[in-house]
Protein backbone atom coordinates (compact mmCIF):
# COMPACT_ATOMS: atom_id res chain seq x y z
CA UNK A 1 -61.88 12.28 1.25
CA UNK A 2 -61.57 14.95 3.91
CA UNK A 3 -60.49 18.41 2.80
CA UNK A 4 -56.82 19.20 3.76
CA UNK A 5 -58.00 22.09 6.06
CA UNK A 6 -60.32 19.65 7.80
CA UNK A 7 -57.61 17.13 8.40
CA UNK A 8 -55.33 19.80 9.67
CA UNK A 9 -57.98 21.05 12.07
CA UNK A 10 -58.74 17.49 13.27
CA UNK A 11 -55.17 16.99 14.14
CA UNK A 12 -55.13 20.08 16.38
CA UNK A 13 -57.84 18.21 18.57
CA UNK A 14 -60.29 21.18 18.87
CA UNK A 15 -62.67 20.52 21.68
CA UNK A 16 -64.74 22.28 24.37
CA UNK A 17 -63.73 24.34 26.13
CA UNK A 18 -61.44 26.29 23.90
CA UNK A 19 -58.30 26.93 25.94
CA UNK A 20 -57.37 30.52 26.19
CA UNK A 21 -54.03 31.71 27.72
CA UNK A 22 -54.32 34.21 30.42
CA UNK A 23 -52.21 36.70 28.63
CA UNK A 24 -54.02 36.32 25.33
CA UNK A 25 -55.76 39.49 24.02
CA UNK A 26 -58.64 37.45 22.74
CA UNK A 27 -60.55 35.74 25.55
CA UNK A 28 -64.25 34.74 25.59
CA UNK A 29 -65.50 38.31 26.59
CA UNK A 30 -63.65 39.93 23.48
CA UNK A 31 -64.66 38.08 20.34
CA UNK A 32 -63.18 40.57 17.74
CA UNK A 33 -64.10 40.23 14.06
CA UNK A 34 -61.72 39.87 11.09
CA UNK A 35 -61.13 38.51 7.63
CA UNK A 36 -58.66 35.56 6.96
CA UNK A 37 -57.58 33.02 4.46
CA UNK A 38 -55.65 29.85 4.64
CA UNK A 39 -53.33 27.91 2.24
CA UNK A 40 -56.07 25.28 1.88
CA UNK A 41 -58.88 27.79 1.25
CA UNK A 42 -57.88 30.91 -0.48
CA UNK A 43 -61.30 32.50 -0.42
CA UNK A 44 -61.57 35.39 2.08
CA UNK A 45 -63.71 34.41 5.03
CA UNK A 46 -65.11 36.24 8.02
CA UNK A 47 -64.12 34.86 11.52
CA UNK A 48 -63.88 35.79 15.19
CA UNK A 49 -60.77 35.32 17.37
CA UNK A 50 -60.96 33.27 20.52
CA UNK A 51 -57.53 32.45 22.01
CA UNK A 52 -55.28 31.06 19.33
CA UNK A 53 -58.20 30.03 17.21
CA UNK A 54 -60.36 31.53 14.60
CA UNK A 55 -63.98 30.57 14.54
CA UNK A 56 -64.94 30.45 10.75
CA UNK A 57 -68.14 32.51 10.56
CA UNK A 58 -68.48 32.01 6.70
CA UNK A 59 -68.40 28.28 6.89
CA UNK A 60 -70.60 28.25 9.98
CA UNK A 61 -73.21 30.56 8.26
CA UNK A 62 -73.49 28.17 5.31
CA UNK A 63 -74.06 25.20 7.57
CA UNK A 64 -76.43 26.91 10.05
CA UNK A 65 -78.14 29.49 7.79
CA UNK A 66 -81.64 28.51 8.89
CA UNK A 67 -80.80 27.90 12.58
CA UNK A 68 -80.25 30.07 15.63
CA UNK A 69 -78.59 33.48 15.47
CA UNK A 70 -77.82 33.13 11.76
CA UNK A 71 -81.50 32.75 10.97
CA UNK A 72 -82.16 35.90 12.95
CA UNK A 73 -79.35 37.81 10.94
CA UNK A 74 -81.13 36.51 7.65
CA UNK A 75 -84.36 37.95 8.71
CA UNK A 76 -82.75 41.30 9.35
CA UNK A 77 -80.52 41.43 6.33
CA UNK A 78 -82.55 39.40 3.91
CA UNK A 79 -79.33 37.61 2.79
CA UNK A 80 -76.37 35.84 4.29
CA UNK A 81 -73.88 38.46 5.87
CA UNK A 82 -70.52 36.59 5.97
CA UNK A 83 -70.03 35.56 2.30
CA UNK A 84 -68.51 38.56 0.65
CA UNK A 85 -64.94 38.53 1.88
CA UNK A 86 -65.26 41.49 4.18
CA UNK A 87 -67.51 42.62 7.22
CA UNK A 88 -69.48 45.38 5.44
CA UNK A 89 -72.96 43.48 5.54
CA UNK A 90 -72.61 42.50 9.18
CA UNK A 91 -71.20 45.91 10.25
CA UNK A 92 -74.15 47.79 8.55
CA UNK A 93 -76.77 45.78 10.54
CA UNK A 94 -78.59 47.58 13.43
CA UNK A 95 -76.58 47.74 16.62
CA UNK A 96 -79.10 45.54 18.47
CA UNK A 97 -78.84 42.71 15.83
CA UNK A 98 -74.88 42.79 15.94
CA UNK A 99 -74.93 42.74 19.74
CA UNK A 100 -77.36 39.78 19.94
CA UNK A 101 -75.24 37.87 17.47
CA UNK A 102 -72.06 38.41 19.36
CA UNK A 103 -73.79 37.53 22.65
CA UNK A 104 -74.95 34.29 21.05
CA UNK A 105 -71.50 33.47 19.94
CA UNK A 106 -70.33 33.86 23.47
CA UNK A 107 -73.11 31.61 24.76
CA UNK A 108 -72.36 28.92 22.17
CA UNK A 109 -68.59 29.13 22.99
CA UNK A 110 -69.52 28.54 26.59
CA UNK A 111 -71.76 25.53 25.98
CA UNK A 112 -70.54 22.07 25.31
CA UNK A 113 -73.83 21.13 23.78
CA UNK A 114 -73.99 24.14 21.46
CA UNK A 115 -73.82 23.90 17.51
CA UNK A 116 -70.06 24.64 17.75
CA UNK A 117 -69.36 21.48 19.66
CA UNK A 118 -72.21 18.87 19.13
CA UNK A 119 -70.75 17.43 15.87
CA UNK A 120 -66.85 16.66 15.94
CA UNK A 121 -66.42 16.91 12.23
CA UNK A 122 -68.02 20.31 12.04
CA UNK A 123 -66.04 21.53 15.17
CA UNK A 124 -62.84 20.53 13.43
CA UNK A 125 -63.80 22.43 10.31
CA UNK A 126 -64.92 25.72 11.83
CA UNK A 127 -62.00 26.30 14.36
CA UNK A 128 -58.92 27.29 12.43
CA UNK A 129 -55.49 27.62 14.30
CA UNK A 130 -54.36 31.34 13.97
CA UNK A 131 -50.92 30.20 13.04
CA UNK A 132 -52.44 28.57 9.93
CA UNK A 133 -54.27 31.75 8.74
CA UNK A 134 -53.26 34.81 6.79
CA UNK A 135 -55.21 37.94 7.91
CA UNK A 136 -56.48 40.53 5.57
CA UNK A 137 -58.13 44.03 5.82
CA UNK A 138 -61.54 43.74 7.48
CA UNK A 139 -63.32 46.01 4.98
CA UNK A 140 -62.92 47.31 1.44
CA UNK A 141 -62.11 50.70 2.89
CA UNK A 142 -63.91 53.57 0.87
CA UNK A 143 -62.22 56.45 2.84
CA UNK A 144 -59.59 57.25 5.45
CA UNK A 145 -59.40 60.38 7.61
CA UNK A 146 -56.88 61.11 10.19
CA UNK A 147 -57.31 63.36 13.10
CA UNK A 148 -55.03 65.13 15.41
CA UNK A 149 -56.63 65.42 18.88
CA UNK A 150 -53.84 65.25 21.47
CA UNK A 151 -53.03 68.34 23.38
CA UNK A 152 -49.63 66.82 24.21
CA UNK A 153 -48.70 66.00 20.60
CA UNK A 154 -49.97 69.16 18.88
CA UNK A 155 -48.30 71.34 21.52
CA UNK A 156 -44.94 69.57 21.19
CA UNK A 157 -45.11 69.58 17.37
CA UNK A 158 -45.98 73.31 17.38
CA UNK A 159 -43.16 74.08 19.69
CA UNK A 160 -40.70 72.09 17.61
CA UNK A 161 -41.78 74.00 14.56
CA UNK A 162 -41.26 77.39 16.40
CA UNK A 163 -44.99 78.03 16.43
CA UNK A 164 -47.87 78.15 18.96
CA UNK A 165 -50.66 75.76 19.13
CA UNK A 166 -53.41 76.74 16.70
CA UNK A 167 -56.57 77.95 18.48
CA UNK A 168 -58.66 75.85 16.13
CA UNK A 169 -57.38 72.74 18.00
CA UNK A 170 -59.43 73.73 21.06
CA UNK A 171 -62.53 74.46 18.97
CA UNK A 172 -62.88 71.36 16.91
CA UNK A 173 -61.19 67.96 16.08
CA UNK A 174 -58.53 68.87 13.44
CA UNK A 175 -57.96 66.19 10.68
CA UNK A 176 -57.21 65.52 7.02
CA UNK A 177 -58.28 63.10 4.31
CA UNK A 178 -55.74 60.47 3.80
CA UNK A 179 -55.23 57.80 1.22
CA UNK A 180 -57.49 54.57 1.74
CA UNK A 181 -55.41 53.01 -1.09
CA UNK A 182 -52.29 52.79 1.23
CA UNK A 183 -53.96 51.19 4.29
CA UNK A 184 -52.39 47.79 4.84
CA UNK A 185 -52.67 45.20 7.58
CA UNK A 186 -50.49 43.65 10.13
CA UNK A 187 -47.06 42.25 8.90
CA UNK A 188 -47.21 44.06 5.46
CA UNK A 189 -43.59 45.42 4.71
CA UNK A 190 -43.26 49.12 4.49
CA UNK A 191 -40.76 50.55 1.94
CA UNK A 192 -38.98 53.70 2.77
CA UNK A 193 -40.49 56.30 0.56
CA UNK A 194 -38.99 58.76 -1.69
CA UNK A 195 -40.11 62.34 -2.17
CA UNK A 196 -39.12 66.00 -2.54
CA UNK A 197 -37.01 67.18 0.36
CA UNK A 198 -35.76 70.58 1.15
CA UNK A 199 -32.01 71.01 2.00
CA UNK A 200 -32.01 73.11 5.25
CA UNK A 201 -28.65 74.64 4.29
CA UNK A 202 -29.72 76.39 0.98
CA UNK A 203 -33.39 75.70 0.67
CA UNK A 204 -32.91 73.75 -2.57
CA UNK A 205 -34.99 70.63 -3.10
CA UNK A 206 -34.25 67.23 -4.43
CA UNK A 207 -35.96 63.91 -4.89
CA UNK A 208 -34.47 61.30 -2.57
CA UNK A 209 -35.30 58.69 0.05
CA UNK A 210 -36.63 59.98 3.40
CA UNK A 211 -33.96 60.12 6.17
CA UNK A 212 -36.40 60.87 8.95
CA UNK A 213 -38.91 57.96 9.08
CA UNK A 214 -41.26 57.94 11.98
CA UNK A 215 -44.28 55.94 13.36
CA UNK A 216 -47.30 57.32 14.98
CA UNK A 217 -49.21 55.26 17.67
CA UNK A 218 -52.86 55.64 17.13
CA UNK A 219 -56.13 53.84 17.28
CA UNK A 220 -58.35 53.30 14.17
CA UNK A 221 -62.15 53.46 14.16
CA UNK A 222 -64.36 51.73 11.58
CA UNK A 223 -67.81 53.17 10.60
CA UNK A 224 -70.67 50.64 10.81
CA UNK A 225 -74.02 51.69 9.26
CA UNK A 226 -74.02 54.43 6.67
CA UNK A 227 -75.10 57.96 7.10
CA UNK A 228 -76.89 59.78 4.13
CA UNK A 229 -75.38 62.86 2.71
CA UNK A 230 -76.70 66.02 4.41
CA UNK A 231 -77.64 64.15 7.40
CA UNK A 232 -75.97 65.03 10.74
CA UNK A 233 -75.23 63.33 14.11
CA UNK A 234 -74.04 64.58 17.49
CA UNK A 235 -71.23 63.16 19.62
CA UNK A 236 -73.35 60.86 21.64
CA UNK A 237 -75.30 59.46 18.63
CA UNK A 238 -71.95 58.72 16.94
CA UNK A 239 -71.68 55.39 18.89
CA UNK A 240 -74.51 54.01 16.70
CA UNK A 241 -72.25 54.51 13.65
CA UNK A 242 -69.04 53.00 15.13
CA UNK A 243 -68.38 49.32 14.51
CA UNK A 244 -65.16 49.05 16.50
CA UNK A 245 -61.53 49.83 17.11
CA UNK A 246 -58.11 48.68 15.71
CA UNK A 247 -54.57 49.52 16.41
CA UNK A 248 -53.18 52.00 13.79
CA UNK A 249 -49.73 53.08 12.77
CA UNK A 250 -49.64 56.33 10.42
CA UNK A 251 -46.22 55.91 9.09
CA UNK A 252 -44.63 59.36 8.45
CA UNK A 253 -41.74 60.66 6.48
CA UNK A 254 -41.03 63.76 8.42
CA UNK A 255 -38.62 65.52 6.03
CA UNK A 256 -40.99 65.01 3.10
CA UNK A 257 -43.90 66.09 5.30
CA UNK A 258 -42.34 69.21 6.50
CA UNK A 259 -41.24 70.16 2.97
CA UNK A 260 -44.79 70.01 1.62
CA UNK A 261 -46.80 71.09 4.70
CA UNK A 262 -47.34 74.70 3.94
CA UNK A 263 -49.94 75.85 2.79
CA UNK A 264 -52.16 72.89 2.26
CA UNK A 265 -50.99 70.28 4.73
CA UNK A 266 -49.30 66.88 4.20
CA UNK A 267 -49.65 64.66 1.15
CA UNK A 268 -46.89 62.20 0.22
CA UNK A 269 -45.15 62.49 3.56
CA UNK A 270 -48.16 60.77 5.14
CA UNK A 271 -49.83 58.88 2.25
CA UNK A 272 -47.43 56.04 1.56
CA UNK A 273 -48.60 53.65 4.24
CA UNK A 274 -50.99 53.32 7.17
CA UNK A 275 -51.04 50.01 8.95
CA UNK A 276 -53.77 48.63 11.00
CA UNK A 277 -54.22 45.55 13.13
CA UNK A 278 -56.44 42.72 11.73
CA UNK A 279 -58.99 42.29 14.44
CA UNK A 280 -61.76 44.78 15.06
CA UNK A 281 -62.83 44.97 18.77
CA UNK A 282 -66.57 46.03 18.94
CA UNK A 283 -67.94 48.78 21.08
CA UNK A 284 -70.19 46.45 22.93
CA UNK A 285 -67.04 44.39 23.88
CA UNK A 286 -65.50 47.57 25.18
CA UNK A 287 -68.29 48.69 27.42
CA UNK A 288 -66.20 47.94 30.49
CA UNK A 289 -63.36 50.19 29.24
CA UNK A 290 -65.73 53.24 28.88
CA UNK A 291 -64.36 56.26 31.11
CA UNK A 292 -64.33 59.84 31.57
CA UNK A 293 -61.69 61.87 29.70
CA UNK A 294 -58.71 63.13 31.59
CA UNK A 295 -59.27 66.39 29.68
CA UNK A 296 -61.72 68.23 31.95
CA UNK A 297 -63.46 70.22 29.33
CA UNK A 298 -64.01 67.42 26.81
CA UNK A 299 -67.64 66.91 27.88
CA UNK A 300 -68.95 70.35 26.87
CA UNK A 301 -66.91 70.50 23.70
CA UNK A 302 -63.92 72.45 25.05
CA UNK A 303 -63.88 76.03 23.87
CA UNK A 304 -66.33 75.36 21.10
CA UNK A 305 -69.95 76.49 20.82
CA UNK A 306 -70.81 73.83 18.46
CA UNK A 307 -73.70 71.60 19.80
CA UNK A 308 -72.74 68.62 17.72
CA UNK A 309 -69.49 68.31 19.75
CA UNK A 310 -71.02 68.34 23.22
CA UNK A 311 -71.24 65.08 25.18
CA UNK A 312 -74.03 64.70 27.66
CA UNK A 313 -72.56 61.24 28.85
CA UNK A 314 -69.46 61.74 31.04
CA UNK A 315 -68.12 58.30 29.97
CA UNK A 316 -67.42 59.55 26.48
CA UNK A 317 -64.12 57.75 25.76
CA UNK A 318 -62.45 54.45 26.47
CA UNK A 319 -59.43 53.47 28.70
CA UNK A 320 -57.27 51.99 25.96
CA UNK A 321 -53.53 51.84 26.56
CA UNK A 322 -51.07 51.68 23.72
CA UNK A 323 -47.43 50.29 24.12
CA UNK A 324 -44.90 50.88 21.32
CA UNK A 325 -41.77 48.81 20.90
CA UNK A 326 -38.95 48.99 18.26
CA UNK A 327 -36.85 45.84 17.28
CA UNK A 328 -33.62 46.83 15.56
CA UNK A 329 -31.85 43.76 13.98
CA UNK A 330 -28.40 45.39 14.17
CA UNK A 331 -28.89 46.20 17.77
CA UNK A 332 -26.43 44.90 20.38
CA UNK A 333 -29.57 43.69 22.36
CA UNK A 334 -31.85 41.03 21.07
CA UNK A 335 -34.73 42.58 23.00
CA UNK A 336 -36.96 45.21 21.46
CA UNK A 337 -36.86 48.74 22.65
CA UNK A 338 -39.96 49.83 24.57
CA UNK A 339 -40.35 53.36 23.46
CA UNK A 340 -43.66 54.62 25.13
CA UNK A 341 -47.07 53.93 26.73
CA UNK A 342 -49.93 56.25 26.25
CA UNK A 343 -53.78 56.16 26.50
CA UNK A 344 -56.74 57.03 24.43
CA UNK A 345 -58.36 58.87 27.53
CA UNK A 346 -55.86 61.59 27.40
CA UNK A 347 -57.01 62.96 23.94
CA UNK A 348 -58.93 66.21 23.90
CA UNK A 349 -61.51 64.99 21.57
CA UNK A 350 -63.32 61.65 21.75
CA UNK A 351 -63.80 59.31 18.84
CA UNK A 352 -67.59 60.23 18.93
CA UNK A 353 -66.76 63.94 18.64
CA UNK A 354 -64.39 63.15 15.66
CA UNK A 355 -67.01 61.24 13.86
CA UNK A 356 -69.72 63.79 14.60
CA UNK A 357 -67.52 66.59 13.33
CA UNK A 358 -66.47 64.71 10.25
CA UNK A 359 -70.16 64.17 9.39
CA UNK A 360 -71.18 67.80 10.21
CA UNK A 361 -70.29 69.00 6.68
CA UNK A 362 -73.13 66.89 5.23
CA UNK A 363 -70.54 64.62 3.50
CA UNK A 364 -72.32 61.39 4.60
CA UNK A 365 -70.59 58.20 5.89
CA UNK A 366 -70.21 54.76 4.23
CA UNK A 367 -69.74 51.42 5.92
CA UNK A 368 -66.13 50.43 6.28
CA UNK A 369 -64.77 54.12 6.36
CA UNK A 370 -61.74 54.33 8.64
CA UNK A 371 -60.57 57.18 10.78
CA UNK A 372 -57.65 57.62 13.00
CA UNK A 373 -57.41 59.25 16.34
CA UNK A 374 -54.32 61.00 15.56
CA UNK A 375 -50.96 60.32 17.47
CA UNK A 376 -51.89 59.37 21.09
CA UNK A 377 -49.43 61.21 23.34
CA UNK A 378 -50.05 61.32 27.09
CA UNK A 379 -48.91 63.87 29.64
CA UNK A 380 -46.21 63.47 32.26
CA UNK A 381 -43.52 62.20 29.89
CA UNK A 382 -40.17 61.60 31.68
CA UNK A 383 -36.96 59.71 30.87
CA UNK A 384 -38.03 56.72 33.02
CA UNK A 385 -41.64 56.68 31.80
CA UNK A 386 -42.01 57.83 28.13
CA UNK A 387 -45.55 58.72 27.03
CA UNK A 388 -45.07 60.23 23.63
CA UNK A 389 -46.59 58.58 20.67
CA UNK A 390 -43.99 59.19 18.00
CA UNK A 391 -40.19 59.58 17.45
CA UNK A 392 -40.60 63.27 16.53
CA UNK A 393 -41.63 64.09 20.04
CA UNK A 394 -39.39 61.58 21.73
CA UNK A 395 -36.34 62.96 19.97
CA UNK A 396 -37.03 66.56 20.21
CA UNK A 397 -37.19 66.73 16.43
CA UNK A 398 -34.23 64.35 15.93
CA UNK A 399 -31.94 66.31 18.45
CA UNK A 400 -31.44 63.38 20.89
CA UNK A 401 -32.14 59.66 21.08
CA UNK A 402 -35.41 58.51 22.35
CA UNK A 403 -33.55 55.98 24.49
CA UNK A 404 -30.96 58.36 25.95
CA UNK A 405 -27.74 56.57 27.14
CA UNK A 406 -27.99 53.80 24.57
CA UNK A 407 -24.96 52.61 22.70
CA UNK A 408 -24.55 54.03 19.13
CA UNK A 409 -26.06 50.95 17.46
CA UNK A 410 -29.13 51.10 19.78
CA UNK A 411 -29.65 54.79 19.62
CA UNK A 412 -33.12 55.36 18.29
CA UNK A 413 -33.60 58.81 16.63
CA UNK A 414 -35.43 57.95 13.47
CA UNK A 415 -36.30 54.55 12.00
CA UNK A 416 -33.55 52.64 10.05
CA UNK A 417 -34.07 50.11 7.30
CA UNK A 418 -34.89 46.76 8.93
CA UNK A 419 -36.41 48.36 12.11
CA UNK A 420 -39.65 46.72 13.11
CA UNK A 421 -42.33 48.76 14.97
CA UNK A 422 -44.72 46.91 17.13
CA UNK A 423 -47.75 48.64 18.75
CA UNK A 424 -50.14 46.79 21.10
CA UNK A 425 -53.26 48.06 22.85
CA UNK A 426 -55.10 46.74 25.91
CA UNK A 427 -58.51 47.59 27.19
CA UNK A 428 -58.09 48.56 30.83
CA UNK A 429 -60.91 47.13 32.97
CA UNK A 430 -61.80 44.53 30.39
CA UNK A 431 -58.81 42.14 30.80
CA UNK A 432 -58.31 41.81 27.04
CA UNK A 433 -56.59 43.62 24.16
CA UNK A 434 -57.00 44.71 20.62
CA UNK A 435 -53.92 42.59 19.68
CA UNK A 436 -50.70 43.85 18.21
CA UNK A 437 -49.68 45.54 14.99
CA UNK A 438 -46.28 45.09 13.39
CA UNK A 439 -44.54 46.43 10.51
CA UNK A 440 -41.03 46.31 9.30
CA UNK A 441 -39.30 49.27 7.46
CA UNK A 442 -37.43 48.23 4.36
CA UNK A 443 -35.01 49.99 1.99
CA UNK A 444 -36.53 51.96 -0.92
CA UNK A 445 -37.76 49.91 -3.81
CA UNK A 446 -35.45 50.32 -6.78
CA UNK A 447 -37.88 50.46 -9.49
CA UNK A 448 -37.53 54.10 -10.69
């Protein structure tokens, strides 16, 4: 008797060529990697996205272990790489091996006579409709570090705090170690956190739910192969240690954060949830989106004299555009509110510089580590074209709605219970995207 998943897939009439909608973020030249399950098969499996389908790499590897590209992977890794429920074994392979494997998948998807399409039963079993799948974290994330690398963002936040931009921002990528335990994937509900908040009237403190909930539009970067402790890399070498990008939302409780900030920086105001999109878009896929930073002194390390932060390659970053929308169920409008567009290329520090600086202490790197770019805010913000990556900036610290002129029910200052934040990212020059990331804010959990 056929397995339920096989029967379901056969009814979807999977055949060559796989049809991909023109507005899909996952055409043939993307092929991002992720981890999924289905109701019929609860084991976590590796796959790649193509249009509205997932190509099941775990099942395909078991079937074709001694053939084609899987045999080549076996010779490199000495073991199957897609059977552990995450992407660690594949991501830790040499760059050339991963690139060759991805190119072979593209060739196979383009060829009617390839192993993906030469057996109807196998074709039906390895192509899973995305609508039938549940996505999971792509790695067992051992560590999470978040940076703060936007001139616009740090200058705005410093001004709102009545301070000047710290000189260290121009000398190195600033960051802090976050909580890997609270990284969740797309669609996971976010509960309004509770914490110690200072009363601005008398400076007393109390433990209560946050009233100033915010999002931060970022990109996340996954580490590929490990770097031993006490080893170092420079900004250009960092590409060899980057597996790929995801969309990232570093949820923030601003009132909790600002109460605890001094002198050691944020803890509970930033550690309760970080959401990431489920599909990891690889560096080789993004080659066409490489670009020169809009910050003119990025290439030589800004004002720093640190050699490990100096790029020799002018095309040191990527033209990745983020768009943020907020859907408010109680709004008078059924349409989401588009709050901003910003771009990675406007950051002072590139992802390569961030990773090189993180490793410069000799801490070492592990496969599956995640680091965030920090809030991506772009210059030239104006009412008709917002470019700021969080509500703190858009509302001038909560003084005015991000969407000025909106009716009371639609006025967006900070996030309300029920609000859903959606962040999407597109690779300019590649005609594909990183997909979207959504998360809904819910009322505090009543379990205290």
